Amino acid sequence: MTDDEVHLIPPDQPAYDLHLTAAELKVTWNALRAYFDDFGHEESDVHEIARGILAKLPGEHEIRAIDLDAELEKLRERREE
C-alpha cells in the first residue's frame, strides 16, 4: 500500500463540513447549477456527482428566495461596525 492510498477519504464518507451564509449559498448553488448545465454526455460521472451535490442543497425555490443584494448589504453593514 502506498502512502497516498493510506490517506484517501473513503468514497462514502464526507470529506468536508461546510457552513455557508445565505449569500454564499446562493452563489454556490448558482455556480454549481451553471457547471451542471454545461456538461455533455461524455462527462456523465461528473454530471452525476454535481446532481448529487445539488440534491443536498436547498431547492431552486428556496435559493431564488434569497435576496443577494440584501444579504450583501447586511455583510457590508457588519464590516462597518
N, C-alpha and C. Protein backbone atom coordinates (compact mmCIF):
# COMPACT_ATOMS: atom_id res chain seq x y z
N MET A 1 0.86 -1.18 0.00
CA MET A 1 0.00 0.00 0.00
C MET A 1 0.90 1.24 0.00
N THR A 2 0.63 2.17 -0.90
CA THR A 2 1.43 3.39 -0.97
C THR A 2 0.98 4.38 0.09
N ASP A 3 1.83 5.36 0.35
CA ASP A 3 1.50 6.40 1.33
C ASP A 3 0.25 7.17 0.91
N ASP A 4 0.06 7.39 -0.42
CA ASP A 4 -1.12 8.11 -0.92
C ASP A 4 -2.41 7.34 -0.63
N GLU A 5 -2.37 6.03 -0.74
CA GLU A 5 -3.57 5.23 -0.52
C GLU A 5 -4.01 5.24 0.95
N VAL A 6 -3.09 5.38 1.87
CA VAL A 6 -3.39 5.40 3.29
C VAL A 6 -4.24 6.62 3.65
N HIS A 7 -4.04 7.74 2.98
CA HIS A 7 -4.69 9.00 3.33
C HIS A 7 -5.94 9.31 2.51
N LEU A 8 -6.40 8.38 1.72
CA LEU A 8 -7.59 8.62 0.91
C LEU A 8 -8.84 8.62 1.78
N ILE A 9 -9.78 9.46 1.43
CA ILE A 9 -11.08 9.51 2.11
C ILE A 9 -11.95 8.44 1.48
N PRO A 10 -12.57 7.58 2.28
CA PRO A 10 -13.46 6.57 1.72
C PRO A 10 -14.55 7.23 0.87
N PRO A 11 -14.94 6.61 -0.24
CA PRO A 11 -15.90 7.23 -1.16
C PRO A 11 -17.27 7.51 -0.59
N ASP A 12 -17.65 6.82 0.48
CA ASP A 12 -18.97 7.03 1.07
C ASP A 12 -18.93 7.90 2.33
N GLN A 13 -17.79 8.52 2.61
CA GLN A 13 -17.64 9.34 3.80
C GLN A 13 -17.53 10.82 3.44
N PRO A 14 -18.14 11.69 4.25
CA PRO A 14 -17.99 13.13 3.99
C PRO A 14 -16.53 13.54 4.09
N ALA A 15 -16.13 14.43 3.19
CA ALA A 15 -14.75 14.90 3.18
C ALA A 15 -14.61 16.25 3.84
N TYR A 16 -15.72 16.99 3.94
CA TYR A 16 -15.64 18.36 4.45
C TYR A 16 -17.01 18.82 4.89
N ASP A 17 -17.05 19.51 6.02
CA ASP A 17 -18.29 20.09 6.53
C ASP A 17 -18.21 21.58 6.25
N LEU A 18 -19.15 22.10 5.50
CA LEU A 18 -19.09 23.48 5.03
C LEU A 18 -20.28 24.27 5.54
N HIS A 19 -20.01 25.41 6.17
CA HIS A 19 -21.07 26.30 6.64
C HIS A 19 -21.06 27.54 5.75
N LEU A 20 -22.20 27.86 5.17
CA LEU A 20 -22.31 28.97 4.23
C LEU A 20 -23.31 30.00 4.73
N THR A 21 -23.02 31.27 4.46
CA THR A 21 -24.02 32.31 4.68
C THR A 21 -25.05 32.19 3.57
N ALA A 22 -26.16 32.92 3.70
CA ALA A 22 -27.19 32.88 2.66
C ALA A 22 -26.62 33.35 1.32
N ALA A 23 -25.81 34.41 1.34
CA ALA A 23 -25.20 34.91 0.10
C ALA A 23 -24.28 33.87 -0.51
N GLU A 24 -23.45 33.23 0.33
CA GLU A 24 -22.54 32.21 -0.17
C GLU A 24 -23.30 31.01 -0.73
N LEU A 25 -24.40 30.65 -0.07
CA LEU A 25 -25.22 29.53 -0.54
C LEU A 25 -25.80 29.84 -1.91
N LYS A 26 -26.32 31.04 -2.09
CA LYS A 26 -26.92 31.41 -3.37
C LYS A 26 -25.87 31.38 -4.48
N VAL A 27 -24.70 31.95 -4.22
CA VAL A 27 -23.63 31.97 -5.23
C VAL A 27 -23.16 30.54 -5.53
N THR A 28 -22.99 29.73 -4.50
CA THR A 28 -22.53 28.35 -4.68
C THR A 28 -23.55 27.55 -5.49
N TRP A 29 -24.82 27.67 -5.14
CA TRP A 29 -25.86 26.92 -5.85
C TRP A 29 -25.90 27.33 -7.32
N ASN A 30 -25.87 28.64 -7.57
CA ASN A 30 -25.92 29.10 -8.96
C ASN A 30 -24.69 28.69 -9.75
N ALA A 31 -23.52 28.74 -9.13
CA ALA A 31 -22.30 28.31 -9.82
C ALA A 31 -22.35 26.82 -10.13
N LEU A 32 -22.77 26.02 -9.17
CA LEU A 32 -22.86 24.58 -9.39
C LEU A 32 -23.92 24.25 -10.43
N ARG A 33 -25.02 24.96 -10.41
CA ARG A 33 -26.07 24.73 -11.40
C ARG A 33 -25.57 25.07 -12.82
N ALA A 34 -24.84 26.18 -12.97
CA ALA A 34 -24.27 26.55 -14.27
C ALA A 34 -23.27 25.50 -14.73
N TYR A 35 -22.45 25.03 -13.80
CA TYR A 35 -21.46 23.98 -14.09
C TYR A 35 -22.18 22.71 -14.54
N PHE A 36 -23.22 22.33 -13.81
CA PHE A 36 -24.03 21.16 -14.13
C PHE A 36 -24.64 21.27 -15.53
N ASP A 37 -25.18 22.45 -15.84
CA ASP A 37 -25.85 22.65 -17.13
C ASP A 37 -24.90 22.62 -18.31
N ASP A 38 -23.60 22.86 -18.08
CA ASP A 38 -22.62 22.88 -19.17
C ASP A 38 -22.09 21.50 -19.56
N PHE A 39 -22.39 20.47 -18.78
CA PHE A 39 -21.85 19.15 -19.07
C PHE A 39 -22.54 18.51 -20.26
N GLY A 40 -21.76 17.76 -21.02
CA GLY A 40 -22.30 16.96 -22.11
C GLY A 40 -22.42 15.51 -21.67
N HIS A 41 -22.77 14.66 -22.58
CA HIS A 41 -22.95 13.24 -22.26
C HIS A 41 -21.63 12.56 -21.91
N GLU A 42 -20.51 13.05 -22.43
CA GLU A 42 -19.24 12.41 -22.15
C GLU A 42 -18.75 12.62 -20.72
N GLU A 43 -19.35 13.53 -19.99
CA GLU A 43 -18.98 13.77 -18.59
C GLU A 43 -20.04 13.25 -17.64
N SER A 44 -20.62 12.11 -17.93
CA SER A 44 -21.76 11.62 -17.14
C SER A 44 -21.40 11.36 -15.68
N ASP A 45 -20.18 10.93 -15.39
CA ASP A 45 -19.80 10.69 -13.99
C ASP A 45 -19.77 11.99 -13.20
N VAL A 46 -19.19 13.04 -13.78
CA VAL A 46 -19.13 14.34 -13.12
C VAL A 46 -20.53 14.92 -13.01
N HIS A 47 -21.33 14.73 -14.03
CA HIS A 47 -22.72 15.18 -14.03
C HIS A 47 -23.48 14.57 -12.87
N GLU A 48 -23.26 13.29 -12.63
CA GLU A 48 -23.94 12.59 -11.54
C GLU A 48 -23.50 13.13 -10.18
N ILE A 49 -22.21 13.43 -10.02
CA ILE A 49 -21.72 13.99 -8.76
C ILE A 49 -22.33 15.38 -8.53
N ALA A 50 -22.36 16.21 -9.57
CA ALA A 50 -22.94 17.55 -9.45
C ALA A 50 -24.42 17.45 -9.09
N ARG A 51 -25.13 16.52 -9.70
CA ARG A 51 -26.55 16.32 -9.39
C ARG A 51 -26.72 15.93 -7.92
N GLY A 52 -25.85 15.09 -7.41
CA GLY A 52 -25.91 14.67 -6.02
C GLY A 52 -25.66 15.82 -5.05
N ILE A 53 -24.70 16.68 -5.39
CA ILE A 53 -24.43 17.84 -4.55
C ILE A 53 -25.62 18.78 -4.54
N LEU A 54 -26.19 19.04 -5.72
CA LEU A 54 -27.36 19.91 -5.80
C LEU A 54 -28.53 19.35 -4.99
N ALA A 55 -28.65 18.03 -4.95
CA ALA A 55 -29.73 17.40 -4.19
C ALA A 55 -29.57 17.62 -2.68
N LYS A 56 -28.33 17.83 -2.23
CA LYS A 56 -28.09 18.08 -0.81
C LYS A 56 -28.37 19.52 -0.41
N LEU A 57 -28.42 20.41 -1.38
CA LEU A 57 -28.65 21.83 -1.12
C LEU A 57 -30.14 22.12 -1.17
N PRO A 58 -30.56 23.26 -0.61
CA PRO A 58 -31.97 23.64 -0.73
C PRO A 58 -32.38 23.70 -2.21
N GLY A 59 -33.65 23.61 -2.46
CA GLY A 59 -34.16 23.61 -3.82
C GLY A 59 -34.13 24.99 -4.47
N GLU A 60 -34.44 25.00 -5.74
CA GLU A 60 -34.40 26.24 -6.53
C GLU A 60 -35.30 27.32 -5.94
N HIS A 61 -36.48 26.94 -5.46
CA HIS A 61 -37.41 27.92 -4.91
C HIS A 61 -36.80 28.63 -3.70
N GLU A 62 -36.19 27.86 -2.82
CA GLU A 62 -35.56 28.45 -1.64
C GLU A 62 -34.37 29.33 -2.00
N ILE A 63 -33.60 28.90 -2.98
CA ILE A 63 -32.43 29.68 -3.41
C ILE A 63 -32.88 30.99 -4.05
N ARG A 64 -33.90 30.93 -4.89
CA ARG A 64 -34.40 32.16 -5.52
C ARG A 64 -34.96 33.15 -4.49
N ALA A 65 -35.44 32.63 -3.38
CA ALA A 65 -36.00 33.50 -2.33
C ALA A 65 -34.91 34.29 -1.60
N ILE A 66 -33.66 33.88 -1.72
CA ILE A 66 -32.56 34.62 -1.08
C ILE A 66 -32.31 35.89 -1.88
N ASP A 67 -32.44 37.03 -1.23
CA ASP A 67 -32.19 38.32 -1.86
C ASP A 67 -30.70 38.63 -1.71
N LEU A 68 -29.93 38.38 -2.76
CA LEU A 68 -28.49 38.54 -2.70
C LEU A 68 -28.09 39.97 -2.37
N ASP A 69 -28.77 40.94 -2.96
CA ASP A 69 -28.45 42.34 -2.66
C ASP A 69 -28.64 42.65 -1.18
N ALA A 70 -29.73 42.18 -0.60
CA ALA A 70 -29.98 42.42 0.83
C ALA A 70 -28.95 41.72 1.69
N GLU A 71 -28.56 40.50 1.32
CA GLU A 71 -27.56 39.76 2.09
C GLU A 71 -26.20 40.46 2.01
N LEU A 72 -25.85 40.96 0.84
CA LEU A 72 -24.58 41.68 0.69
C LEU A 72 -24.59 42.97 1.50
N GLU A 73 -25.73 43.63 1.53
CA GLU A 73 -25.84 44.86 2.32
C GLU A 73 -25.65 44.56 3.81
N LYS A 74 -26.21 43.46 4.28
CA LYS A 74 -26.02 43.06 5.67
C LYS A 74 -24.54 42.82 5.97
N LEU A 75 -23.85 42.17 5.04
CA LEU A 75 -22.43 41.92 5.23
C LEU A 75 -21.63 43.23 5.28
N ARG A 76 -21.97 44.17 4.39
CA ARG A 76 -21.30 45.47 4.38
C ARG A 76 -21.50 46.20 5.70
N GLU A 77 -22.73 46.18 6.20
CA GLU A 77 -23.04 46.85 7.47
C GLU A 77 -22.26 46.22 8.63
N ARG A 78 -22.13 44.92 8.61
CA ARG A 78 -21.41 44.23 9.68
C ARG A 78 -19.92 44.59 9.64
N ARG A 79 -19.37 44.72 8.46
CA ARG A 79 -17.95 45.08 8.33
C ARG A 79 -17.68 46.48 8.82
N GLU A 80 -18.67 47.36 8.70
CA GLU A 80 -18.51 48.76 9.10
C GLU A 80 -18.62 48.96 10.61
N GLU A 81 -19.14 47.98 11.32
CA GLU A 81 -19.32 48.11 12.78
C GLU A 81 -18.01 48.11 13.50
